[in-house]
PDB file of N, CA and C in Angstrom:
ATOM      1  N   PRO A   1     -33.803-114.614  52.789  1.00  0.00           N
ATOM      2  CA  PRO A   1     -33.799-116.034  53.045  1.00  0.00           C
ATOM      3  C   PRO A   1     -34.446-116.420  54.333  1.00  0.00           C
ATOM      4  N   VAL A   2     -34.313-115.502  55.391  1.00  0.00           N
ATOM      5  CA  VAL A   2     -34.896-115.853  56.663  1.00  0.00           C
ATOM      6  C   VAL A   2     -36.359-115.763  56.644  1.00  0.00           C
ATOM      7  N   ALA A   3     -36.973-114.861  55.821  1.00  0.00           N
ATOM      8  CA  ALA A   3     -38.393-114.733  55.725  1.00  0.00           C
ATOM      9  C   ALA A   3     -39.043-115.967  55.048  1.00  0.00           C
ATOM     10  N   PHE A   4     -38.246-116.626  54.125  1.00  0.00           N
ATOM     11  CA  PHE A   4     -38.822-117.744  53.417  1.00  0.00           C
ATOM     12  C   PHE A   4     -38.304-119.067  53.952  1.00  0.00           C
ATOM     13  N   SER A   5     -37.685-119.023  55.148  1.00  0.00           N
ATOM     14  CA  SER A   5     -37.037-120.223  55.743  1.00  0.00           C
ATOM     15  C   SER A   5     -38.135-121.227  56.127  1.00  0.00           C
ATOM     16  N   ILE A   6     -37.707-122.450  56.239  1.00  0.00           N
ATOM     17  CA  ILE A   6     -38.591-123.502  56.676  1.00  0.00           C
ATOM     18  C   ILE A   6     -38.737-123.471  58.161  1.00  0.00           C
ATOM     19  N   GLN A   7     -37.843-122.896  58.872  1.00  0.00           N
ATOM     20  CA  GLN A   7     -37.875-122.850  60.346  1.00  0.00           C
ATOM     21  C   GLN A   7     -38.939-121.790  60.627  1.00  0.00           C
ATOM     22  N   GLU A   8     -40.010-122.189  61.422  1.00  0.00           N
ATOM     23  CA  GLU A   8     -41.096-121.246  61.603  1.00  0.00           C
ATOM     24  C   GLU A   8     -40.801-120.175  62.642  1.00  0.00           C
ATOM     25  N   PHE A   9     -39.844-120.409  63.525  1.00  0.00           N
ATOM     26  CA  PHE A   9     -39.666-119.408  64.554  1.00  0.00           C
ATOM     27  C   PHE A   9     -38.824-118.203  64.083  1.00  0.00           C
ATOM     28  N   ARG A  10     -38.169-118.283  62.933  1.00  0.00           N
ATOM     29  CA  ARG A  10     -37.416-117.157  62.417  1.00  0.00           C
ATOM     30  C   ARG A  10     -38.099-116.347  61.258  1.00  0.00           C
ATOM     31  N   ALA A  11     -39.121-116.943  60.715  1.00  0.00           N
ATOM     32  CA  ALA A  11     -39.817-116.375  59.598  1.00  0.00           C
ATOM     33  C   ALA A  11     -40.492-115.034  59.989  1.00  0.00           C
ATOM     34  N   PRO A  12     -41.126-114.861  61.135  1.00  0.00           N
ATOM     35  CA  PRO A  12     -41.766-113.542  61.496  1.00  0.00           C
ATOM     36  C   PRO A  12     -40.665-112.487  61.679  1.00  0.00           C
ATOM     37  N   MET A  13     -39.508-112.814  62.170  1.00  0.00           N
ATOM     38  CA  MET A  13     -38.469-111.758  62.308  1.00  0.00           C
ATOM     39  C   MET A  13     -38.008-111.340  60.974  1.00  0.00           C
ATOM     40  N   GLY A  14     -37.867-112.222  59.983  1.00  0.00           N
ATOM     41  CA  GLY A  14     -37.443-111.939  58.613  1.00  0.00           C
ATOM     42  C   GLY A  14     -38.495-111.059  57.954  1.00  0.00           C
ATOM     43  N   ILE A  15     -39.786-111.307  58.139  1.00  0.00           N
ATOM     44  CA  ILE A  15     -40.825-110.543  57.552  1.00  0.00           C
ATOM     45  C   ILE A  15     -40.787-109.147  58.180  1.00  0.00           C
ATOM     46  N   ALA A  16     -40.602-109.064  59.432  1.00  0.00           N
ATOM     47  CA  ALA A  16     -40.589-107.744  60.071  1.00  0.00           C
ATOM     48  C   ALA A  16     -39.411-106.916  59.593  1.00  0.00           C
ATOM     49  N   VAL A  17     -38.207-107.502  59.413  1.00  0.00           N
ATOM     50  CA  VAL A  17     -37.065-106.796  58.896  1.00  0.00           C
ATOM     51  C   VAL A  17     -37.262-106.330  57.477  1.00  0.00           C
ATOM     52  N   ILE A  18     -37.841-107.157  56.658  1.00  0.00           N
ATOM     53  CA  ILE A  18     -38.115-106.759  55.290  1.00  0.00           C
ATOM     54  C   ILE A  18     -39.223-105.665  55.168  1.00  0.00           C
ATOM     55  N   GLY A  19     -40.205-105.758  56.051  1.00  0.00           N
ATOM     56  CA  GLY A  19     -41.185-104.684  56.130  1.00  0.00           C
ATOM     57  C   GLY A  19     -40.617-103.378  56.547  1.00  0.00           C
ATOM     58  N   GLY A  20     -39.734-103.500  57.521  1.00  0.00           N
ATOM     59  CA  GLY A  20     -39.099-102.232  58.005  1.00  0.00           C
ATOM     60  C   GLY A  20     -38.194-101.621  56.902  1.00  0.00           C
ATOM     61  N   LEU A  21     -37.471-102.354  56.273  1.00  0.00           N
ATOM     62  CA  LEU A  21     -36.622-101.820  55.118  1.00  0.00           C
ATOM     63  C   LEU A  21     -37.442-101.258  54.007  1.00  0.00           C
ATOM     64  N   ILE A  22     -38.573-101.881  53.651  1.00  0.00           N
ATOM     65  CA  ILE A  22     -39.406-101.304  52.654  1.00  0.00           C
ATOM     66  C   ILE A  22     -40.077-100.016  53.093  1.00  0.00           C
ATOM     67  N   THR A  23     -40.572-100.013  54.279  1.00  0.00           N
ATOM     68  CA  THR A  23     -41.163 -98.823  54.859  1.00  0.00           C
ATOM     69  C   THR A  23     -40.154 -97.601  54.966  1.00  0.00           C
ATOM     70  N   SER A  24     -39.034 -97.890  55.438  1.00  0.00           N
ATOM     71  CA  SER A  24     -38.010 -96.814  55.588  1.00  0.00           C
ATOM     72  C   SER A  24     -37.565 -96.289  54.238  1.00  0.00           C
ATOM     73  N   THR A  25     -37.456 -97.202  53.263  1.00  0.00           N
ATOM     74  CA  THR A  25     -37.061 -96.768  51.888  1.00  0.00           C
ATOM     75  C   THR A  25     -38.163 -95.906  51.278  1.00  0.00           C
ATOM     76  N   LEU A  26     -39.413 -96.287  51.366  1.00  0.00           N
ATOM     77  CA  LEU A  26     -40.531 -95.479  50.881  1.00  0.00           C
ATOM     78  C   LEU A  26     -40.586 -94.158  51.567  1.00  0.00           C
ATOM     79  N   LEU A  27     -40.394 -94.110  52.877  1.00  0.00           N
ATOM     80  CA  LEU A  27     -40.434 -92.870  53.582  1.00  0.00           C
ATOM     81  C   LEU A  27     -39.258 -91.945  53.124  1.00  0.00           C
ATOM     82  N   THR A  28     -38.057 -92.496  52.984  1.00  0.00           N
ATOM     83  CA  THR A  28     -36.913 -91.702  52.642  1.00  0.00           C
ATOM     84  C   THR A  28     -37.037 -91.206  51.173  1.00  0.00           C
ATOM     85  N   LEU A  29     -37.475 -92.068  50.256  1.00  0.00           N
ATOM     86  CA  LEU A  29     -37.407 -91.594  48.852  1.00  0.00           C
ATOM     87  C   LEU A  29     -38.679 -90.939  48.370  1.00  0.00           C
ATOM     88  N   LEU A  30     -39.775 -91.184  48.941  1.00  0.00           N
ATOM     89  CA  LEU A  30     -41.007 -90.590  48.460  1.00  0.00           C
ATOM     90  C   LEU A  30     -41.709 -89.654  49.405  1.00  0.00           C
ATOM     91  N   VAL A  31     -42.053 -90.059  50.669  1.00  0.00           N
ATOM     92  CA  VAL A  31     -42.804 -89.289  51.542  1.00  0.00           C
ATOM     93  C   VAL A  31     -42.117 -88.030  51.987  1.00  0.00           C
ATOM     94  N   VAL A  32     -40.909 -88.172  52.442  1.00  0.00           N
ATOM     95  CA  VAL A  32     -40.219 -86.959  52.949  1.00  0.00           C
ATOM     96  C   VAL A  32     -39.988 -85.901  51.913  1.00  0.00           C
ATOM     97  N   PRO A  33     -39.488 -86.231  50.715  1.00  0.00           N
ATOM     98  CA  PRO A  33     -39.326 -85.175  49.726  1.00  0.00           C
ATOM     99  C   PRO A  33     -40.657 -84.553  49.244  1.00  0.00           C
ATOM    100  N   ALA A  34     -41.717 -85.356  49.208  1.00  0.00           N
ATOM    101  CA  ALA A  34     -43.032 -84.865  48.817  1.00  0.00           C
ATOM    102  C   ALA A  34     -43.547 -83.905  49.870  1.00  0.00           C
ATOM    103  N   MET A  35     -43.413 -84.235  51.136  1.00  0.00           N
ATOM    104  CA  MET A  35     -43.829 -83.370  52.164  1.00  0.00           C
ATOM    105  C   MET A  35     -42.995 -82.073  52.194  1.00  0.00           C
ATOM    106  N   PHE A  36     -41.691 -82.196  52.002  1.00  0.00           N
ATOM    107  CA  PHE A  36     -40.794 -80.997  52.015  1.00  0.00           C
ATOM    108  C   PHE A  36     -41.285 -80.035  50.848  1.00  0.00           C
ATOM    109  N   SER A  37     -41.566 -80.612  49.681  1.00  0.00           N
ATOM    110  CA  SER A  37     -41.965 -79.775  48.526  1.00  0.00           C
ATOM    111  C   SER A  37     -43.347 -79.123  48.812  1.00  0.00           C
ATOM    112  N   LEU A  38     -44.232 -79.842  49.430  1.00  0.00           N
ATOM    113  CA  LEU A  38     -45.536 -79.300  49.793  1.00  0.00           C
ATOM    114  C   LEU A  38     -45.424 -78.154  50.853  1.00  0.00           C
ATOM    115  N   VAL A  39     -44.643 -78.336  51.847  1.00  0.00           N
ATOM    116  CA  VAL A  39     -44.454 -77.345  52.845  1.00  0.00           C
ATOM    117  C   VAL A  39     -43.702 -76.100  52.314  1.00  0.00           C
ATOM    118  N   ASP A  40     -42.715 -76.363  51.423  1.00  0.00           N
ATOM    119  CA  ASP A  40     -42.064 -75.219  50.823  1.00  0.00           C
ATOM    120  C   ASP A  40     -42.943 -74.438  49.970  1.00  0.00           C
ATOM    121  N   ASP A  41     -43.881 -75.050  49.117  1.00  0.00           N
ATOM    122  CA  ASP A  41     -44.762 -74.362  48.348  1.00  0.00           C
ATOM    123  C   ASP A  41     -45.758 -73.512  49.227  1.00  0.00           C
ATOM    124  N   ILE A  42     -46.260 -74.096  50.286  1.00  0.00           N
ATOM    125  CA  ILE A  42     -47.135 -73.419  51.180  1.00  0.00           C
ATOM    126  C   ILE A  42     -46.437 -72.196  51.769  1.00  0.00           C
ATOM    127  N   GLU A  43     -45.174 -72.377  52.187  1.00  0.00           N
ATOM    128  CA  GLU A  43     -44.372 -71.230  52.719  1.00  0.00           C
ATOM    129  C   GLU A  43     -44.204 -70.112  51.729  1.00  0.00           C
ATOM    130  N   ARG A  44     -43.878 -70.420  50.527  1.00  0.00           N
ATOM    131  CA  ARG A  44     -43.701 -69.466  49.462  1.00  0.00           C
ATOM    132  C   ARG A  44     -44.984 -68.644  49.175  1.00  0.00           C
ATOM    133  N   TRP A  45     -46.141 -69.400  49.226  1.00  0.00           N
ATOM    134  CA  TRP A  45     -47.399 -68.796  48.959  1.00  0.00           C
ATOM    135  C   TRP A  45     -47.921 -67.950  50.141  1.00  0.00           C
ATOM    136  N   ALA A  46     -47.791 -68.507  51.318  1.00  0.00           N
ATOM    137  CA  ALA A  46     -48.364 -67.835  52.498  1.00  0.00           C
ATOM    138  C   ALA A  46     -47.399 -66.789  53.095  1.00  0.00           C
ATOM    139  N   GLY A  47     -46.096 -66.874  52.938  1.00  0.00           N
ATOM    140  CA  GLY A  47     -45.169 -66.109  53.598  1.00  0.00           C
ATOM    141  C   GLY A  47     -45.361 -64.623  53.334  1.00  0.00           C
ATOM    142  N   PRO A  48     -45.446 -64.220  52.083  1.00  0.00           N
ATOM    143  CA  PRO A  48     -45.624 -62.832  51.810  1.00  0.00           C
ATOM    144  C   PRO A  48     -46.952 -62.286  52.262  1.00  0.00           C
ATOM    145  N   ARG A  49     -47.959 -63.119  52.210  1.00  0.00           N
ATOM    146  CA  ARG A  49     -49.271 -62.689  52.712  1.00  0.00           C
ATOM    147  C   ARG A  49     -49.325 -62.492  54.192  1.00  0.00           C
ATOM    148  N   ILE A  50     -48.669 -63.367  54.939  1.00  0.00           N
ATOM    149  CA  ILE A  50     -48.630 -63.257  56.386  1.00  0.00           C
ATOM    150  C   ILE A  50     -47.751 -61.990  56.798  1.00  0.00           C
ATOM    151  N   MET A  51     -46.692 -61.760  56.068  1.00  0.00           N
ATOM    152  CA  MET A  51     -45.841 -60.646  56.293  1.00  0.00           C
ATOM    153  C   MET A  51     -46.565 -59.343  56.128  1.00  0.00           C
ATOM    154  N   ARG A  52     -47.405 -59.314  54.989  1.00  0.00           N
ATOM    155  CA  ARG A  52     -48.183 -58.136  54.743  1.00  0.00           C
ATOM    156  C   ARG A  52     -49.246 -57.936  55.836  1.00  0.00           C
ATOM    157  N   LEU A  53     -49.764 -59.025  56.247  1.00  0.00           N
ATOM    158  CA  LEU A  53     -50.878 -58.959  57.279  1.00  0.00           C
ATOM    159  C   LEU A  53     -50.343 -58.435  58.635  1.00  0.00           C
ATOM    160  N   ILE A  54     -49.131 -58.861  59.006  1.00  0.00           N
ATOM    161  CA  ILE A  54     -48.616 -58.325  60.275  1.00  0.00           C
ATOM    162  C   ILE A  54     -47.857 -57.018  60.126  1.00  0.00           C
ATOM    163  N   GLY A  55     -47.566 -56.615  58.860  1.00  0.00           N
ATOM    164  CA  GLY A  55     -46.948 -55.371  58.668  1.00  0.00           C
ATOM    165  C   GLY A  55     -45.442 -55.344  58.874  1.00  0.00           C
ATOM    166  N   ALA A  56     -44.751 -56.470  58.688  1.00  0.00           N
ATOM    167  CA  ALA A  56     -43.300 -56.503  58.914  1.00  0.00           C
ATOM    168  C   ALA A  56     -42.504 -56.430  57.593  1.00  0.00           C
ATOM    169  N   GLN A  57     -43.131 -56.118  56.521  1.00  0.00           N
ATOM    170  CA  GLN A  57     -42.488 -56.136  55.200  1.00  0.00           C
ATOM    171  C   GLN A  57     -41.423 -55.080  55.048  1.00  0.00           C
ATOM    172  N   GLY A  58     -41.694 -53.856  55.571  1.00  0.00           N
ATOM    173  CA  GLY A  58     -40.778 -52.766  55.379  1.00  0.00           C
ATOM    174  C   GLY A  58     -39.603 -52.622  56.379  1.00  0.00           C
ATOM    175  N   GLU A  59     -39.599 -53.496  57.339  1.00  0.00           N
ATOM    176  CA  GLU A  59     -38.554 -53.447  58.387  1.00  0.00           C
ATOM    177  C   GLU A  59     -37.258 -53.934  57.856  1.00  0.00           C
ATOM    178  N   ALA A  60     -36.183 -53.269  58.286  1.00  0.00           N
ATOM    179  CA  ALA A  60     -34.813 -53.703  57.924  1.00  0.00           C
ATOM    180  C   ALA A  60     -34.417 -54.791  58.822  1.00  0.00           C
ATOM    181  N   PRO A  61     -33.597 -55.718  58.351  1.00  0.00           N
ATOM    182  CA  PRO A  61     -33.062 -56.758  59.192  1.00  0.00           C
ATOM    183  C   PRO A  61     -32.142 -56.211  60.260  1.00  0.00           C
ATOM    184  N   PRO A  62     -31.958 -56.783  61.400  1.00  0.00           N
ATOM    185  CA  PRO A  62     -31.097 -56.260  62.436  1.00  0.00           C
ATOM    186  C   PRO A  62     -29.612 -56.323  62.013  1.00  0.00           C
ATOM    187  N   ALA A  63     -28.885 -55.306  62.400  1.00  0.00           N
ATOM    188  CA  ALA A  63     -27.440 -55.142  61.994  1.00  0.00           C
ATOM    189  C   ALA A  63     -26.627 -56.172  62.736  1.00  0.00           C
ATOM    190  N   ASP A  64     -25.681 -56.713  61.948  1.00  0.00           N
ATOM    191  CA  ASP A  64     -24.786 -57.647  62.643  1.00  0.00           C
ATOM    192  C   ASP A  64     -23.616 -56.905  63.295  1.00  0.00           C
ATOM    193  N   PRO A  65     -23.447 -56.977  64.580  1.00  0.00           N
ATOM    194  CA  PRO A  65     -22.398 -56.121  65.304  1.00  0.00           C
ATOM    195  C   PRO A  65     -21.060 -56.464  64.835  1.00  0.00           C
ATOM    196  N   VAL A  66     -20.783 -57.673  64.383  1.00  0.00           N
ATOM    197  CA  VAL A  66     -19.427 -58.011  64.004  1.00  0.00           C
ATOM    198  C   VAL A  66     -19.089 -57.388  62.683  1.00  0.00           C
ATOM    199  N   VAL A  67     -19.990 -57.395  61.709  1.00  0.00           N
ATOM    200  CA  VAL A  67     -19.755 -56.841  60.382  1.00  0.00           C
ATOM    201  C   VAL A  67     -19.800 -55.319  60.357  1.00  0.00           C
ATOM    202  N   ASN A  68     -20.685 -54.699  61.181  1.00  0.00           N
ATOM    203  CA  ASN A  68     -20.835 -53.292  61.144  1.00  0.00           C
ATOM    204  C   ASN A  68     -20.139 -52.622  62.311  1.00  0.00           C
ATOM    205  N   ASP A  69     -19.025 -53.171  62.793  1.00  0.00           N
ATOM    206  CA  ASP A  69     -18.241 -52.632  63.957  1.00  0.00           C
ATOM    207  C   ASP A  69     -17.482 -51.355  63.413  1.00  0.00           C
ATOM    208  N   PRO A  70     -17.782 -50.212  64.044  1.00  0.00           N
ATOM    209  CA  PRO A  70     -17.096 -49.035  63.543  1.00  0.00           C
ATOM    210  C   PRO A  70     -15.594 -49.033  63.821  1.00  0.00           C
ATOM    211  N   ARG A  71     -15.188 -49.799  64.779  1.00  0.00           N
ATOM    212  CA  ARG A  71     -13.705 -49.827  65.110  1.00  0.00           C
ATOM    213  C   ARG A  71     -12.867 -50.602  64.092  1.00  0.00           C
ATOM    214  N   GLY A  72     -13.557 -51.295  63.223  1.00  0.00           N
ATOM    215  CA  GLY A  72     -12.828 -52.080  62.142  1.00  0.00           C
ATOM    216  C   GLY A  72     -12.213 -53.403  62.664  1.00  0.00           C
ATOM    217  N   ALA A  73     -12.717 -53.890  63.793  1.00  0.00           N
ATOM    218  CA  ALA A  73     -12.098 -55.060  64.369  1.00  0.00           C
ATOM    219  C   ALA A  73     -12.596 -56.315  63.764  1.00  0.00           C
TER     220      ALA A  73
END
């Protein structure tokens, strides 16, 4: 209602608020999930290739000292 108001001094504020809501909605529902999916696909494609390139594929992960504690604590 403020964006369509007859009072000219409040209309720009209403238009700015509506524009911000539309922009944030589009970013939240469309752009962010699409970018996440794109980056995830690139990571799945390039991850093994990069690991092969740097030669870290056969290394074992570091041991967790709490889980592998010989004292059983």
